[in-house]
Each structure stands twice: as structure tokens, then as C-alpha cells.
Amino acid sequence: MQKIIEYTIVCSSGNEEDMIDIVNGHIDDEWQPIGGVGIKPAGFGMTSTFYQAMVKYENDEKKDK
């Protein structure tokens, strides 16, 4: 089992494509999505907000040191 060493939540008040870009950017920086996407529905004249929990895992190289 991998050990989680960092946790964050990313969000976007744009559209789904904006959220995908944000999550993919974090994946490029070694973050991994955990759990599902949270959505705060839009009110009148507003946009929905999307949330995604992200974690970083301890890598095998750090365990050996």
C-alpha cells in the first residue's frame, strides 16, 4: 500500500473542460485524483463549481533512502 504524503483539493468555476485541464496539469506534477468529482450546481446567472481531491504518494525511491 502506498503512503499518501500530500493532499489538496482543486476547483474550477468554469466548465468541465477547464476542470479537466486543471486535473491533468496536477497529474503532470505527480498528483493523483482520489475519489469522485464534487459539483456545486450553478444558481441563476452563475456557473457550477467542480472539485477534485488530489494526492501525492510516497514513491519507491524515497522509501529506499
N, C-alpha and C. Protein backbone atom coordinates (compact mmCIF):
# COMPACT_ATOMS: atom_id res chain seq x y z
N MET A 1 0.84 -1.18 0.00
CA MET A 1 0.00 0.00 0.00
C MET A 1 0.88 1.24 0.00
N GLN A 2 0.56 2.19 -0.88
CA GLN A 2 1.33 3.42 -0.96
C GLN A 2 0.89 4.40 0.12
N LYS A 3 1.85 5.16 0.63
CA LYS A 3 1.58 6.15 1.66
C LYS A 3 1.32 7.51 1.01
N ILE A 4 0.20 8.14 1.38
CA ILE A 4 -0.11 9.49 0.90
C ILE A 4 0.77 10.47 1.66
N ILE A 5 1.45 11.36 0.92
CA ILE A 5 2.32 12.34 1.57
C ILE A 5 1.81 13.77 1.42
N GLU A 6 0.89 14.00 0.49
CA GLU A 6 0.28 15.33 0.33
C GLU A 6 -1.15 15.18 -0.15
N TYR A 7 -1.97 16.16 0.21
CA TYR A 7 -3.39 16.17 -0.15
C TYR A 7 -3.78 17.59 -0.51
N THR A 8 -4.58 17.75 -1.54
CA THR A 8 -5.12 19.06 -1.90
C THR A 8 -6.45 18.87 -2.59
N ILE A 9 -7.17 19.95 -2.72
CA ILE A 9 -8.41 19.96 -3.49
C ILE A 9 -8.28 21.04 -4.54
N VAL A 10 -8.52 20.68 -5.79
CA VAL A 10 -8.51 21.67 -6.86
C VAL A 10 -9.96 21.95 -7.24
N CYS A 11 -10.19 23.16 -7.74
CA CYS A 11 -11.56 23.50 -8.14
C CYS A 11 -11.53 24.40 -9.36
N SER A 12 -12.66 24.42 -10.05
CA SER A 12 -12.84 25.26 -11.22
C SER A 12 -14.28 25.75 -11.26
N SER A 13 -14.43 27.05 -11.45
CA SER A 13 -15.77 27.61 -11.62
C SER A 13 -16.09 27.81 -13.09
N GLY A 14 -15.31 27.16 -13.93
CA GLY A 14 -15.54 27.24 -15.37
C GLY A 14 -16.42 26.09 -15.81
N ASN A 15 -15.99 25.43 -16.87
CA ASN A 15 -16.74 24.29 -17.39
C ASN A 15 -15.95 23.02 -17.20
N GLU A 16 -16.49 21.91 -17.66
CA GLU A 16 -15.83 20.63 -17.48
C GLU A 16 -14.44 20.60 -18.12
N GLU A 17 -14.30 21.21 -19.28
CA GLU A 17 -13.00 21.21 -19.96
C GLU A 17 -11.95 21.94 -19.14
N ASP A 18 -12.33 23.04 -18.47
CA ASP A 18 -11.39 23.76 -17.61
C ASP A 18 -10.93 22.86 -16.46
N MET A 19 -11.88 22.14 -15.87
CA MET A 19 -11.54 21.26 -14.76
C MET A 19 -10.62 20.14 -15.21
N ILE A 20 -10.89 19.58 -16.37
CA ILE A 20 -10.04 18.53 -16.93
C ILE A 20 -8.62 19.04 -17.11
N ASP A 21 -8.47 20.25 -17.63
CA ASP A 21 -7.13 20.83 -17.82
C ASP A 21 -6.41 21.00 -16.48
N ILE A 22 -7.13 21.47 -15.46
CA ILE A 22 -6.53 21.66 -14.14
C ILE A 22 -6.07 20.32 -13.56
N VAL A 23 -6.94 19.32 -13.61
CA VAL A 23 -6.60 18.00 -13.07
C VAL A 23 -5.43 17.40 -13.85
N ASN A 24 -5.47 17.47 -15.17
CA ASN A 24 -4.36 16.93 -15.97
C ASN A 24 -3.05 17.63 -15.66
N GLY A 25 -3.09 18.93 -15.41
CA GLY A 25 -1.88 19.66 -15.02
C GLY A 25 -1.31 19.15 -13.71
N HIS A 26 -2.19 18.86 -12.76
CA HIS A 26 -1.73 18.30 -11.49
C HIS A 26 -1.19 16.87 -11.67
N ILE A 27 -1.83 16.10 -12.54
CA ILE A 27 -1.32 14.75 -12.81
C ILE A 27 0.10 14.83 -13.39
N ASP A 28 0.34 15.81 -14.26
CA ASP A 28 1.68 16.01 -14.82
C ASP A 28 2.70 16.31 -13.72
N ASP A 29 2.23 16.90 -12.60
CA ASP A 29 3.10 17.22 -11.46
C ASP A 29 3.07 16.12 -10.39
N GLU A 30 2.70 14.91 -10.79
CA GLU A 30 2.71 13.71 -9.95
C GLU A 30 1.60 13.64 -8.90
N TRP A 31 0.55 14.45 -9.05
CA TRP A 31 -0.64 14.32 -8.21
C TRP A 31 -1.54 13.26 -8.83
N GLN A 32 -2.34 12.59 -8.01
CA GLN A 32 -3.29 11.59 -8.48
C GLN A 32 -4.68 11.94 -7.96
N PRO A 33 -5.70 11.89 -8.81
CA PRO A 33 -7.06 12.11 -8.33
C PRO A 33 -7.45 11.00 -7.37
N ILE A 34 -8.22 11.33 -6.37
CA ILE A 34 -8.71 10.33 -5.43
C ILE A 34 -10.20 10.62 -5.19
N GLY A 35 -11.02 9.61 -5.33
CA GLY A 35 -12.46 9.81 -5.18
C GLY A 35 -13.06 10.44 -6.43
N GLY A 36 -14.32 10.75 -6.34
CA GLY A 36 -15.03 11.31 -7.48
C GLY A 36 -15.00 12.83 -7.50
N VAL A 37 -15.60 13.39 -8.51
CA VAL A 37 -15.68 14.83 -8.68
C VAL A 37 -16.88 15.36 -7.90
N GLY A 38 -16.67 16.43 -7.16
CA GLY A 38 -17.77 17.11 -6.48
C GLY A 38 -18.24 18.27 -7.33
N ILE A 39 -19.52 18.53 -7.34
CA ILE A 39 -20.07 19.62 -8.14
C ILE A 39 -21.02 20.44 -7.27
N LYS A 40 -20.78 21.75 -7.24
CA LYS A 40 -21.72 22.67 -6.61
C LYS A 40 -22.53 23.25 -7.77
N PRO A 41 -23.80 22.89 -7.87
CA PRO A 41 -24.61 23.34 -9.01
C PRO A 41 -24.68 24.86 -9.12
N ALA A 42 -24.84 25.31 -10.33
CA ALA A 42 -24.95 26.74 -10.59
C ALA A 42 -26.31 27.27 -10.14
N GLY A 43 -26.28 28.47 -9.60
CA GLY A 43 -27.52 29.19 -9.33
C GLY A 43 -27.87 30.04 -10.53
N PHE A 44 -28.91 30.79 -10.42
CA PHE A 44 -29.35 31.65 -11.52
C PHE A 44 -28.24 32.63 -11.88
N GLY A 45 -27.82 32.62 -13.15
CA GLY A 45 -26.80 33.53 -13.64
C GLY A 45 -25.39 33.20 -13.18
N MET A 46 -25.19 32.02 -12.63
CA MET A 46 -23.87 31.63 -12.12
C MET A 46 -23.41 30.36 -12.83
N THR A 47 -22.14 30.00 -12.63
CA THR A 47 -21.61 28.77 -13.19
C THR A 47 -21.42 27.74 -12.09
N SER A 48 -21.45 26.48 -12.45
CA SER A 48 -21.19 25.41 -11.49
C SER A 48 -19.72 25.43 -11.09
N THR A 49 -19.44 24.91 -9.90
CA THR A 49 -18.06 24.76 -9.44
C THR A 49 -17.78 23.27 -9.30
N PHE A 50 -16.64 22.86 -9.82
CA PHE A 50 -16.21 21.46 -9.78
C PHE A 50 -15.05 21.33 -8.80
N TYR A 51 -15.04 20.25 -8.02
CA TYR A 51 -14.00 19.99 -7.04
C TYR A 51 -13.43 18.59 -7.25
N GLN A 52 -12.12 18.46 -7.09
CA GLN A 52 -11.47 17.14 -7.18
C GLN A 52 -10.38 17.06 -6.13
N ALA A 53 -10.46 16.04 -5.27
CA ALA A 53 -9.39 15.77 -4.32
C ALA A 53 -8.22 15.15 -5.07
N MET A 54 -7.01 15.56 -4.71
CA MET A 54 -5.79 15.06 -5.34
C MET A 54 -4.80 14.71 -4.25
N VAL A 55 -4.02 13.66 -4.48
CA VAL A 55 -3.00 13.26 -3.52
C VAL A 55 -1.68 13.00 -4.22
N LYS A 56 -0.61 13.09 -3.44
CA LYS A 56 0.70 12.63 -3.89
C LYS A 56 1.07 11.46 -3.01
N TYR A 57 1.63 10.44 -3.64
CA TYR A 57 2.06 9.25 -2.92
C TYR A 57 3.57 9.26 -2.76
N GLU A 58 4.03 8.68 -1.65
CA GLU A 58 5.46 8.46 -1.46
C GLU A 58 5.92 7.52 -2.56
N ASN A 59 7.01 7.88 -3.23
CA ASN A 59 7.48 6.98 -4.29
C ASN A 59 8.51 6.00 -3.74
N ASP A 60 8.75 4.94 -4.47
CA ASP A 60 9.63 3.86 -4.02
C ASP A 60 11.05 4.34 -3.78
N GLU A 61 11.52 5.33 -4.55
CA GLU A 61 12.88 5.84 -4.37
C GLU A 61 13.05 6.46 -2.99
N LYS A 62 12.04 7.20 -2.51
CA LYS A 62 12.14 7.83 -1.19
C LYS A 62 12.14 6.78 -0.08
N LYS A 63 11.44 5.66 -0.27
CA LYS A 63 11.40 4.59 0.73
C LYS A 63 12.78 3.98 0.94
N ASP A 64 13.58 3.91 -0.14
CA ASP A 64 14.89 3.27 -0.06
C ASP A 64 15.93 4.14 0.63
N LYS A 65 15.66 5.43 0.80
CA LYS A 65 16.66 6.35 1.38
C LYS A 65 16.57 6.39 2.88
